[in-house]
Protein backbone atom coordinates (compact mmCIF):
# COMPACT_ATOMS: atom_id res chain seq x y z
CA MET A 1 77.46 -18.51 76.69
CA GLN A 2 78.18 -15.44 74.48
CA ILE A 3 81.20 -16.48 72.37
CA VAL A 4 82.00 -13.15 70.66
CA PRO A 5 80.44 -9.83 71.85
CA LYS A 6 78.10 -8.38 69.23
CA HIS A 7 80.06 -5.36 68.42
CA ILE A 8 83.19 -7.31 67.59
CA SER A 9 81.25 -9.73 65.29
CA LEU A 10 79.45 -6.86 63.64
CA SER A 11 82.70 -4.78 63.02
CA THR A 12 84.63 -7.90 61.73
CA GLY A 13 81.69 -8.85 59.41
CA ILE A 14 81.47 -5.28 57.99
CA LEU A 15 85.29 -5.02 57.38
CA LEU A 16 85.49 -8.53 55.70
CA LEU A 17 82.42 -7.80 53.56
CA GLY A 18 84.11 -4.57 52.45
CA LEU A 19 87.25 -6.18 51.57
CA ALA A 20 85.60 -9.05 49.71
CA VAL A 21 83.62 -6.62 47.48
CA ASN A 22 86.95 -5.26 46.39
CA GLY A 23 88.29 -8.80 45.60
CA GLN A 24 91.29 -8.64 47.97
CA VAL A 25 90.10 -11.31 50.36
CA ARG A 26 90.82 -15.05 49.95
CA ILE A 27 89.24 -17.69 52.17
CA GLY A 28 91.13 -20.63 53.29
CA ALA A 29 90.91 -23.87 55.50
CA LYS A 30 93.47 -25.60 57.66
CA PHE A 31 93.79 -28.79 59.83
CA GLY A 32 96.41 -30.56 61.69
CA LEU A 33 97.87 -32.04 64.85
CA THR A 34 98.51 -30.18 68.07
CA PHE A 35 100.55 -31.31 71.03
CA PRO A 36 98.98 -29.50 73.99
CA HIS A 37 100.35 -29.25 77.44
CA ILE A 38 98.67 -28.26 80.59
CA SER A 39 100.13 -27.78 84.01
CA TYR A 40 98.27 -27.16 87.27
CA THR A 41 99.63 -26.08 90.61
CA GLN A 42 97.09 -26.33 93.55
CA PRO A 43 97.15 -23.99 96.50
CA ASP A 44 98.73 -26.77 98.66
CA GLY A 45 101.70 -26.90 96.16
CA GLN A 46 100.65 -30.16 94.30
CA ASN A 47 101.55 -30.04 90.63
CA PHE A 48 99.71 -31.95 87.83
CA THR A 49 100.82 -31.93 84.24
CA HIS A 50 99.44 -33.52 81.08
CA SER A 51 100.35 -33.76 77.40
CA LYS A 52 98.73 -35.50 74.49
CA VAL A 53 98.27 -35.51 70.75
CA SER A 54 95.14 -33.65 69.48
CA PHE A 55 93.54 -32.00 66.59
CA LEU A 56 92.93 -28.52 65.09
CA ALA A 57 90.65 -27.57 62.38
CA GLY A 58 89.40 -24.17 61.17
CA GLY A 59 89.12 -21.52 58.52
CA PHE A 60 90.87 -18.28 57.84
CA VAL A 61 90.64 -15.18 55.66
CA SER A 62 93.73 -13.91 53.92
CA VAL A 63 93.72 -10.01 53.67
CA PRO A 64 96.73 -8.32 51.97
CA LEU A 65 97.49 -5.04 53.76
CA ALA A 66 100.64 -4.05 51.71
CA LYS A 67 103.28 -5.95 49.77
CA GLN A 68 104.54 -8.91 51.66
CA ILE A 69 102.21 -7.98 54.73
CA GLU A 70 98.98 -9.91 55.38
CA LEU A 71 96.30 -9.84 57.96
CA ARG A 72 94.92 -13.37 58.73
CA PRO A 73 91.93 -13.59 61.01
CA GLY A 74 90.44 -17.03 61.58
CA VAL A 75 88.30 -19.41 63.66
CA GLU A 76 89.76 -22.68 64.85
CA LEU A 77 88.50 -25.56 66.85
CA THR A 78 91.23 -26.75 69.16
CA MET A 79 90.68 -29.98 70.70
CA GLY A 80 91.05 -30.70 74.37
CA TYR A 81 94.05 -31.12 76.69
CA GLY A 82 93.11 -34.54 77.97
CA ASN A 83 92.87 -36.30 81.34
CA VAL A 84 94.19 -34.66 84.39
CA ASN A 85 94.47 -36.40 87.89
CA TYR A 86 93.39 -34.44 90.70
CA ASN A 87 93.77 -34.99 94.53
CA LEU A 88 90.52 -33.63 95.92
CA GLY A 89 90.96 -33.45 99.69
CA SER A 90 91.38 -36.88 101.35
CA PHE A 91 90.67 -38.90 98.18
CA TYR A 92 92.42 -39.29 94.76
CA ASN A 93 90.09 -38.67 91.84
CA SER A 94 90.59 -38.97 88.18
CA PHE A 95 88.20 -37.39 85.55
CA LYS A 96 88.27 -36.12 82.03
CA ASP A 97 89.15 -32.45 81.93
CA ASP A 98 88.70 -32.01 78.17
CA LEU A 99 89.31 -28.43 77.50
CA THR A 100 88.14 -27.86 73.98
CA TYR A 101 88.23 -24.31 72.50
CA LEU A 102 86.87 -22.19 69.71
CA ASP A 103 89.82 -19.84 69.13
CA ILE A 104 89.66 -16.64 67.18
CA PRO A 105 93.14 -15.85 66.19
CA LEU A 106 94.40 -12.80 64.32
CA TYR A 107 97.84 -13.09 62.72
CA LEU A 108 99.93 -10.36 61.18
CA LEU A 109 102.13 -12.06 58.69
CA PHE A 110 105.26 -11.17 56.77
CA THR A 111 104.99 -13.03 53.45
CA PRO A 112 108.17 -12.65 51.30
CA GLN A 113 108.22 -14.27 47.95
CA ILE A 114 110.84 -16.96 47.33
CA LYS A 115 111.43 -19.38 44.61
CA ASN A 116 108.26 -21.36 43.95
CA GLY A 117 106.23 -19.82 46.67
CA LYS A 118 106.38 -17.52 49.68
CA LEU A 119 107.25 -17.76 53.36
CA LEU A 120 104.61 -17.16 56.07
CA VAL A 121 106.02 -15.78 59.38
CA GLY A 122 103.94 -13.93 61.99
CA ALA A 123 102.23 -13.73 65.34
CA GLY A 124 99.21 -12.22 66.97
CA PRO A 125 96.59 -12.52 69.72
CA ALA A 126 93.81 -15.15 70.09
CA MET A 127 90.59 -15.03 71.98
CA LYS A 128 89.92 -18.58 73.46
CA ASN A 129 86.27 -19.50 74.07
CA MET A 130 85.81 -22.77 76.10
CA LEU A 131 83.34 -25.37 74.72
CA GLY A 132 81.72 -28.22 76.44
CA ALA A 133 81.14 -29.18 80.12
CA ASP A 134 83.10 -27.96 82.96
CA PRO A 135 83.05 -30.83 85.44
CA LEU A 136 83.74 -28.81 88.54
CA ASN A 137 82.51 -25.33 87.20
CA SER A 138 86.09 -24.14 88.05
CA TYR A 139 87.17 -22.41 84.90
CA LYS A 140 86.77 -19.01 83.20
CA THR A 141 84.98 -19.66 79.85
CA VAL A 142 86.97 -16.88 77.86
CA ASP A 143 90.69 -16.27 77.98
CA TRP A 144 93.38 -14.89 75.76
CA ALA A 145 96.50 -16.29 74.15
CA VAL A 146 99.43 -15.31 71.67
CA ASN A 147 100.06 -17.24 68.52
CA ALA A 148 103.23 -17.57 66.43
CA MET A 149 103.34 -19.33 63.11
CA ALA A 150 106.03 -20.03 60.39
CA GLY A 151 105.18 -21.71 57.11
CA TYR A 152 105.63 -22.07 53.41
CA GLU A 153 102.87 -21.50 50.73
CA ILE A 154 103.01 -22.91 47.27
CA PRO A 155 101.46 -21.00 44.28
CA VAL A 156 98.52 -23.23 44.08
CA GLY A 157 97.41 -22.05 47.63
CA CYS A 158 98.48 -25.14 49.64
CA SER A 159 100.57 -24.13 52.78
CA PHE A 160 102.48 -25.97 55.48
CA HIS A 161 102.78 -24.49 59.02
CA VAL A 162 104.43 -24.79 62.39
CA ASN A 163 102.26 -23.10 65.15
CA TYR A 164 102.80 -22.25 68.86
CA GLN A 165 100.23 -20.91 71.21
CA GLU A 166 100.78 -19.71 74.83
CA SER A 167 97.78 -18.87 76.99
CA LEU A 168 98.03 -15.63 78.79
CA THR A 169 95.15 -16.09 81.29
CA ASP A 170 95.02 -18.33 84.28
CA ILE A 171 91.51 -19.95 83.63
CA ASN A 172 91.07 -21.32 87.25
CA LYS A 173 88.48 -19.93 89.57
CA ASP A 174 89.39 -22.01 92.56
CA GLY A 175 92.93 -20.66 93.40
CA THR A 176 94.71 -23.36 91.36
CA GLU A 177 97.20 -21.85 88.93
CA SER A 178 97.49 -23.28 85.46
CA SER A 179 99.45 -22.75 82.35
CA ARG A 180 98.62 -24.01 78.85
CA HIS A 181 100.50 -24.09 75.54
CA TYR A 182 100.69 -26.17 72.35
CA PHE A 183 102.91 -26.90 69.45
CA GLY A 184 101.15 -27.74 66.13
CA PHE A 185 101.69 -28.81 62.63
CA THR A 186 98.92 -27.72 60.20
CA ILE A 187 98.24 -27.83 56.39
CA GLY A 188 96.16 -25.09 54.86
CA TYR A 189 94.57 -24.33 51.62
CA LEU A 190 93.44 -20.99 50.03
CA PHE A 191 90.42 -21.15 47.82
């Protein structure tokens, strides 16, 4: 599976290397809890939904574009959506449909200074790359989502965020419709 096309990886690497040479880039890490929700509607009209508590961990790069404007590309491991029960024909079956993703988000943030820190408010796209086994080979391995984030960063580089992600792509190949989203609470640190 090719996670990121070569031209995107090369272009991103050259851009970040150039910015790092100029001393404008800071690298950060974040981790936290997510509350993913997945919903399926099968061609026969049956609906299945599942929610759970999960984890997110990743890194990001802080790139100032202008005063109070920041570009924040990153890489995040978003853990699975959990167990979903399926009615497959004449029998009822339950198996683990653990959709774990390597997300590549790109946030455009508004970062106004406030007393003792700054606000972080922004949104952007994310490319989602499915990791792990697909029990029925019924999913597309790459899809797209939109992210939104609001948070607060203190001067030492520690930040606290509320995140939301909504998937834009129906990942099913078998005619089943699905929708996925999550809310998350994360803590970040800029080195």
